[in-house]
C-alpha cells in the first residue's frame, strides 16, 4: 500500500488487513522495487491462513415481518455479548432502517463504493462506516428516492469479500428485491435467515424464496424464523399447515408487539432468547433450547 500519511496506527491497521507493507509518498523506484521483492519473498511457500469472517444474510418474506429488527439485534448481540467485531450491512440504499434504528447518520459512502467497486478497500470503508458502541460497525445509506442507485453483483461480491477480511461477522439486511446484486449477497452467505409470519402471502413467498436459493447448498445453511406466532387473522396459517408445504421453522417468536422493537436494548422474553440462540448457532456457542423453539433437523 502507498499513501501520504506517516501514521503508525494506520500502518498497524493495514498490516492487520493483510497488507504486507506501507510506503509513504514520495516513493522512489528503488524503494518500491525493494518492497515488491519483499512481499513476494514473504509469500513464497506460505499459504494464506487468515480466517475470513462469516456472512449472515437476513431477508424477510414480506414487509413488516421483522427481518430488519432481527438483523439489528443479532448484530448487537454478536458484538456486545460475544465481543466480536461485527458489521451490519444494510443493502436497502433508499429506505433501509438499520442506521435510523440505531440513531446513526448514514453516509453516501456505501453507494459510492458499490457504484465504483475498484474504490472498495479497508481504508475507504473505515471512513464510510458508522460505529455503534465499541465493536458494531454499520454500513448503510439513505439515498434520495429519485436517485437510481444501481450497482452490480460483482460490486456486492467485492464489498463482502473485503468486509470478511476485517470482521468476525457480517450481518446483511437484504431487501426483497429480485435483482442480481441482492441474490449475490444471499448466494455468498454462510447462513441465510428467512423471517416470515403466518399470513398466506408470507408463506407463499417463503416457499418461493427457498426454491430460488441455490439447491446445491447444505440445508443447515438456511434457517427459517416465524415471527408473530399467535397474532391470528383470517388468512393466517397454522404451523401444521406450513409443515405440509415443507416449511418447518427453526425458531418461532410469539406475538409480543411491545417487545419486538428495533431501538434500544431488548427486554427479556421470546425475542431476546431467540436472538441469543441464533447467535449461539452462528458462533458455535449454542445454548440450551427452550421447549417452544422449533428446529428443522
Protein backbone atom coordinates (compact mmCIF):
# COMPACT_ATOMS: atom_id res chain seq x y z
CA UNK A 1 0.00 0.00 0.00
CA UNK A 2 1.13 3.57 -0.78
CA UNK A 3 -0.17 6.65 1.00
CA UNK A 4 0.70 10.14 2.19
CA UNK A 5 0.06 9.64 5.94
CA UNK A 6 3.01 8.78 8.18
CA UNK A 7 0.77 7.24 10.81
CA UNK A 8 1.79 4.21 12.87
CA UNK A 9 -1.85 3.47 13.72
CA UNK A 10 -2.75 3.33 10.05
CA UNK A 11 0.28 1.13 9.37
CA UNK A 12 -0.79 -1.37 12.03
CA UNK A 13 -4.38 -1.42 10.73
CA UNK A 14 -3.11 -2.14 7.23
CA UNK A 15 -0.95 -4.99 8.47
CA UNK A 16 -3.96 -6.48 10.26
CA UNK A 17 -5.90 -6.20 7.00
CA UNK A 18 -3.32 -8.33 5.23
CA UNK A 19 -1.17 -5.62 3.63
CA UNK A 20 2.48 -6.70 3.63
CA UNK A 21 3.99 -3.20 3.68
CA UNK A 22 3.07 0.50 3.64
CA UNK A 23 5.17 3.15 1.87
CA UNK A 24 4.80 6.88 2.47
CA UNK A 25 4.96 9.18 -0.55
CA UNK A 26 7.13 10.27 -2.31
CA UNK A 27 8.16 6.79 -3.47
CA UNK A 28 11.42 6.14 -5.30
CA UNK A 29 11.79 3.34 -7.82
CA UNK A 30 14.39 1.65 -5.63
CA UNK A 31 12.14 1.72 -2.56
CA UNK A 32 9.16 0.38 -4.50
CA UNK A 33 11.21 -2.44 -6.01
CA UNK A 34 12.52 -3.42 -2.59
CA UNK A 35 9.01 -3.52 -1.14
CA UNK A 36 7.68 -5.64 -4.01
CA UNK A 37 10.54 -8.12 -3.76
CA UNK A 38 10.00 -8.40 -0.02
CA UNK A 39 6.27 -9.01 -0.46
CA UNK A 40 6.86 -11.79 -2.99
CA UNK A 41 9.54 -13.42 -0.85
CA UNK A 42 7.38 -13.37 2.27
CA UNK A 43 4.53 -15.05 0.41
CA UNK A 44 6.50 -17.89 -1.17
CA UNK A 45 5.69 -21.30 0.27
CA UNK A 46 3.39 -19.86 2.93
CA UNK A 47 -0.30 -20.22 2.06
CA UNK A 48 -2.68 -17.64 3.50
CA UNK A 49 -4.21 -19.00 6.68
CA UNK A 50 -6.18 -15.93 7.73
CA UNK A 51 -9.67 -16.94 8.73
CA UNK A 52 -12.36 -14.99 6.93
CA UNK A 53 -15.45 -13.65 8.64
CA UNK A 54 -18.82 -15.39 8.45
CA UNK A 55 -21.61 -13.82 6.39
CA UNK A 56 -25.17 -13.99 7.73
CA UNK A 57 -27.89 -12.72 5.38
CA UNK A 58 -31.32 -11.87 6.79
CA UNK A 59 -34.27 -11.44 4.42
CA UNK A 60 -37.97 -11.01 5.08
CA UNK A 61 -40.56 -12.94 3.12
CA UNK A 62 -42.58 -9.72 3.01
CA UNK A 63 -42.52 -6.27 4.54
CA UNK A 64 -43.25 -5.88 8.23
CA UNK A 65 -42.29 -9.36 9.41
CA UNK A 66 -39.37 -8.08 11.49
CA UNK A 67 -36.34 -9.03 9.39
CA UNK A 68 -34.54 -5.73 9.94
CA UNK A 69 -35.23 -5.80 13.66
CA UNK A 70 -33.88 -9.33 13.94
CA UNK A 71 -30.77 -8.42 11.91
CA UNK A 72 -30.07 -5.42 14.14
CA UNK A 73 -30.42 -7.29 17.41
CA UNK A 74 -28.43 -10.25 16.11
CA UNK A 75 -25.57 -7.92 15.18
CA UNK A 76 -25.80 -6.17 18.55
CA UNK A 77 -25.68 -9.48 20.41
CA UNK A 78 -22.68 -10.80 18.49
CA UNK A 79 -20.83 -7.52 19.09
CA UNK A 80 -21.77 -6.80 22.68
CA UNK A 81 -22.39 -10.21 24.24
CA UNK A 82 -19.80 -12.25 22.35
CA UNK A 83 -17.24 -9.43 21.95
CA UNK A 84 -16.85 -9.94 18.21
CA UNK A 85 -16.11 -7.34 15.54
CA UNK A 86 -19.36 -7.12 13.58
CA UNK A 87 -20.52 -5.07 10.62
CA UNK A 88 -24.22 -4.56 9.94
CA UNK A 89 -24.67 -4.10 6.20
CA UNK A 90 -27.97 -2.54 5.06
CA UNK A 91 -28.36 -3.17 1.34
CA UNK A 92 -31.56 -1.14 1.02
CA UNK A 93 -29.91 2.07 -0.15
CA UNK A 94 -33.12 4.13 -0.26
CA UNK A 95 -35.36 3.08 2.63
CA UNK A 96 -33.16 0.96 4.87
CA UNK A 97 -33.78 1.36 8.60
CA UNK A 98 -30.68 -0.05 10.29
CA UNK A 99 -28.93 3.28 10.85
CA UNK A 100 -32.17 5.02 11.82
CA UNK A 101 -32.99 2.36 14.42
CA UNK A 102 -29.53 2.75 15.96
CA UNK A 103 -29.66 6.56 15.89
CA UNK A 104 -26.81 6.79 13.40
CA UNK A 105 -26.41 9.00 10.36
CA UNK A 106 -25.96 7.22 7.01
CA UNK A 107 -23.35 8.46 4.55
CA UNK A 108 -23.15 8.33 0.74
CA UNK A 109 -20.07 6.13 1.05
CA UNK A 110 -21.93 2.84 0.58
CA UNK A 111 -23.48 3.96 -2.70
CA UNK A 112 -20.13 5.32 -3.88
CA UNK A 113 -18.41 2.06 -3.02
CA UNK A 114 -20.99 -0.07 -4.82
CA UNK A 115 -21.01 2.24 -7.84
CA UNK A 116 -17.19 2.15 -8.03
CA UNK A 117 -16.08 -1.25 -6.69
CA UNK A 118 -12.45 -0.51 -7.54
CA UNK A 119 -12.51 2.01 -4.68
CA UNK A 120 -13.52 -0.62 -2.15
CA UNK A 121 -10.74 -1.26 0.32
CA UNK A 122 -10.37 -1.27 4.08
CA UNK A 123 -9.26 2.36 4.26
CA UNK A 124 -12.24 3.61 2.24
CA UNK A 125 -14.70 1.54 4.27
CA UNK A 126 -13.24 2.80 7.56
CA UNK A 127 -14.19 6.33 6.50
CA UNK A 128 -17.65 5.20 5.44
CA UNK A 129 -18.86 3.07 8.33
CA UNK A 130 -20.57 4.40 11.44
CA UNK A 131 -19.60 3.00 14.82
CA UNK A 132 -22.16 1.90 17.41
CA UNK A 133 -20.51 1.10 20.71
CA UNK A 134 -17.06 -0.47 20.59
CA UNK A 135 -17.47 -3.37 18.17
CA UNK A 136 -20.51 -2.84 15.95
CA UNK A 137 -19.96 -1.02 12.66
CA UNK A 138 -22.87 -0.01 10.44
CA UNK A 139 -22.68 0.38 6.69
CA UNK A 140 -25.84 1.96 5.31
CA UNK A 141 -27.23 4.68 3.06
CA UNK A 142 -30.24 6.95 2.71
CA UNK A 143 -30.24 7.94 -0.94
CA UNK A 144 -32.82 10.30 -2.48
CA UNK A 145 -35.85 8.36 -3.69
CA UNK A 146 -35.46 9.66 -7.24
CA UNK A 147 -31.81 8.62 -7.40
CA UNK A 148 -31.27 5.48 -9.44
CA UNK A 149 -28.63 3.86 -7.25
CA UNK A 150 -27.69 0.94 -9.48
CA UNK A 151 -24.91 -1.46 -8.61
CA UNK A 152 -23.79 -4.90 -9.74
CA UNK A 153 -23.48 -8.34 -8.23
CA UNK A 154 -19.73 -8.06 -8.72
CA UNK A 155 -19.68 -4.91 -6.58
CA UNK A 156 -21.52 -6.70 -3.77
CA UNK A 157 -19.10 -9.62 -4.04
CA UNK A 158 -16.12 -7.26 -3.78
CA UNK A 159 -17.62 -5.40 -0.83
CA UNK A 160 -18.45 -8.55 1.11
CA UNK A 161 -15.04 -10.01 0.29
CA UNK A 162 -13.24 -7.02 1.80
CA UNK A 163 -15.51 -6.97 4.85
CA UNK A 164 -14.79 -10.65 5.51
CA UNK A 165 -11.12 -9.81 5.99
CA UNK A 166 -11.96 -7.13 8.57
CA UNK A 167 -14.75 -8.58 10.71
CA UNK A 168 -15.70 -11.77 12.50
CA UNK A 169 -19.30 -11.46 11.29
CA UNK A 170 -21.07 -9.61 8.50
CA UNK A 171 -24.82 -9.39 9.16
CA UNK A 172 -26.51 -8.29 5.94
CA UNK A 173 -30.06 -6.97 5.91
CA UNK A 174 -31.10 -7.89 2.36
CA UNK A 175 -34.22 -6.29 0.83
CA UNK A 176 -36.78 -8.38 -1.04
CA UNK A 177 -35.84 -7.08 -4.48
CA UNK A 178 -35.47 -9.62 -7.32
CA UNK A 179 -32.15 -8.37 -8.63
CA UNK A 180 -28.75 -10.00 -9.13
CA UNK A 181 -26.92 -7.79 -6.57
CA UNK A 182 -29.24 -8.94 -3.79
CA UNK A 183 -29.08 -12.56 -4.88
CA UNK A 184 -25.31 -12.27 -4.79
CA UNK A 185 -25.49 -11.32 -1.13
CA UNK A 186 -27.78 -14.27 -0.42
CA UNK A 187 -25.84 -16.77 -2.52
CA UNK A 188 -22.48 -15.98 -0.92
CA UNK A 189 -23.78 -16.00 2.66
CA UNK A 190 -22.66 -18.75 5.01
CA UNK A 191 -26.08 -18.63 6.63
CA UNK A 192 -29.35 -17.30 5.23
CA UNK A 193 -32.17 -16.48 7.63
CA UNK A 194 -35.70 -16.04 6.26
CA UNK A 195 -38.06 -14.17 8.57
CA UNK A 196 -41.74 -14.82 7.94
CA UNK A 197 -45.12 -14.72 9.63
CA UNK A 198 -48.19 -16.94 9.33
CA UNK A 199 -50.03 -14.99 6.66
CA UNK A 200 -50.81 -16.72 3.38
CA UNK A 201 -48.81 -14.15 1.43
CA UNK A 202 -45.77 -14.61 3.65
CA UNK A 203 -45.93 -18.41 3.45
CA UNK A 204 -46.22 -18.29 -0.33
CA UNK A 205 -43.19 -16.01 -0.69
CA UNK A 206 -41.18 -18.04 1.82
CA UNK A 207 -41.70 -21.11 -0.36
CA UNK A 208 -40.63 -19.11 -3.41
CA UNK A 209 -37.53 -17.81 -1.64
CA UNK A 210 -36.41 -21.28 -0.66
CA UNK A 211 -36.99 -22.54 -4.18
CA UNK A 212 -34.85 -19.70 -5.52
CA UNK A 213 -31.95 -20.40 -3.16
CA UNK A 214 -29.09 -22.38 -4.61
CA UNK A 215 -30.14 -26.02 -4.49
CA UNK A 216 -26.55 -27.19 -4.04
CA UNK A 217 -26.10 -25.63 -0.60
CA UNK A 218 -26.45 -27.70 2.56
CA UNK A 219 -29.79 -27.42 4.32
CA UNK A 220 -28.17 -26.23 7.55
CA UNK A 221 -27.07 -23.03 5.75
CA UNK A 222 -30.70 -21.88 5.71
CA UNK A 223 -32.86 -21.04 8.71
CA UNK A 224 -36.49 -20.04 8.99
CA UNK A 225 -37.75 -17.80 11.78
CA UNK A 226 -41.52 -17.44 12.04
CA UNK A 227 -42.44 -14.28 13.90
CA UNK A 228 -45.70 -13.03 15.37
CA UNK A 229 -46.95 -16.53 16.20
CA UNK A 230 -50.48 -16.33 17.57
CA UNK A 231 -51.30 -12.96 16.02
CA UNK A 232 -54.20 -14.56 14.17
CA UNK A 233 -56.09 -13.12 11.23
CA UNK A 234 -58.42 -14.57 8.65
CA UNK A 235 -55.58 -15.63 6.35
CA UNK A 236 -53.20 -16.98 8.99
CA UNK A 237 -51.84 -20.50 8.52
CA UNK A 238 -51.05 -22.79 11.41
CA UNK A 239 -47.60 -24.33 11.87
CA UNK A 240 -49.12 -27.69 10.93
CA UNK A 241 -50.39 -26.25 7.66
CA UNK A 242 -46.98 -24.70 6.99
CA UNK A 243 -45.35 -28.09 7.55
CA UNK A 244 -47.47 -29.51 4.72
CA UNK A 245 -45.59 -27.24 2.29
CA UNK A 246 -42.28 -28.28 3.88
CA UNK A 247 -41.84 -25.14 5.96
CA UNK A 248 -40.59 -26.18 9.38
CA UNK A 249 -39.29 -23.16 11.33
CA UNK A 250 -36.02 -23.34 13.18
CA UNK A 251 -37.31 -20.74 15.63
CA UNK A 252 -40.72 -19.27 16.38
CA UNK A 253 -41.37 -15.96 18.13
CA UNK A 254 -44.74 -15.45 19.85
CA UNK A 255 -46.67 -12.27 19.05
CA UNK A 256 -45.49 -9.62 21.51
CA UNK A 257 -45.79 -6.25 19.73
CA UNK A 258 -44.21 -4.23 22.54
CA UNK A 259 -41.16 -6.49 22.73
CA UNK A 260 -40.37 -6.58 19.03
CA UNK A 261 -38.94 -3.11 18.61
CA UNK A 262 -35.63 -2.22 17.00
CA UNK A 263 -34.10 0.64 19.03
CA UNK A 264 -32.66 0.16 22.48
CA UNK A 265 -31.77 -2.94 24.48
CA UNK A 266 -34.10 -5.92 24.39
CA UNK A 267 -36.18 -6.76 27.40
CA UNK A 268 -36.12 -10.41 28.38
CA UNK A 269 -38.62 -12.51 26.52
CA UNK A 270 -39.09 -14.65 23.45
CA UNK A 271 -37.18 -12.37 21.08
CA UNK A 272 -34.11 -11.94 23.26
CA UNK A 273 -33.98 -15.72 23.79
CA UNK A 274 -34.22 -16.38 20.04
CA UNK A 275 -31.55 -13.77 19.26
CA UNK A 276 -29.22 -15.39 21.80
CA UNK A 277 -29.94 -18.84 20.39
CA UNK A 278 -29.36 -17.69 16.82
CA UNK A 279 -26.08 -16.07 17.82
CA UNK A 280 -25.08 -19.30 19.54
CA UNK A 281 -25.86 -21.36 16.44
CA UNK A 282 -23.87 -18.93 14.28
CA UNK A 283 -20.83 -18.77 16.56
CA UNK A 284 -20.84 -22.39 17.68
CA UNK A 285 -21.70 -21.39 21.23
CA UNK A 286 -25.14 -22.96 21.19
CA UNK A 287 -27.17 -22.69 24.39
CA UNK A 288 -29.92 -24.90 25.75
CA UNK A 289 -33.08 -24.95 23.65
CA UNK A 290 -36.41 -23.90 25.08
CA UNK A 291 -39.47 -26.07 24.60
CA UNK A 292 -41.16 -23.57 22.26
CA UNK A 293 -38.27 -23.38 19.81
CA UNK A 294 -38.88 -25.38 16.67
CA UNK A 295 -35.96 -26.86 14.75
CA UNK A 296 -35.67 -28.35 11.28
CA UNK A 297 -33.11 -31.12 11.54
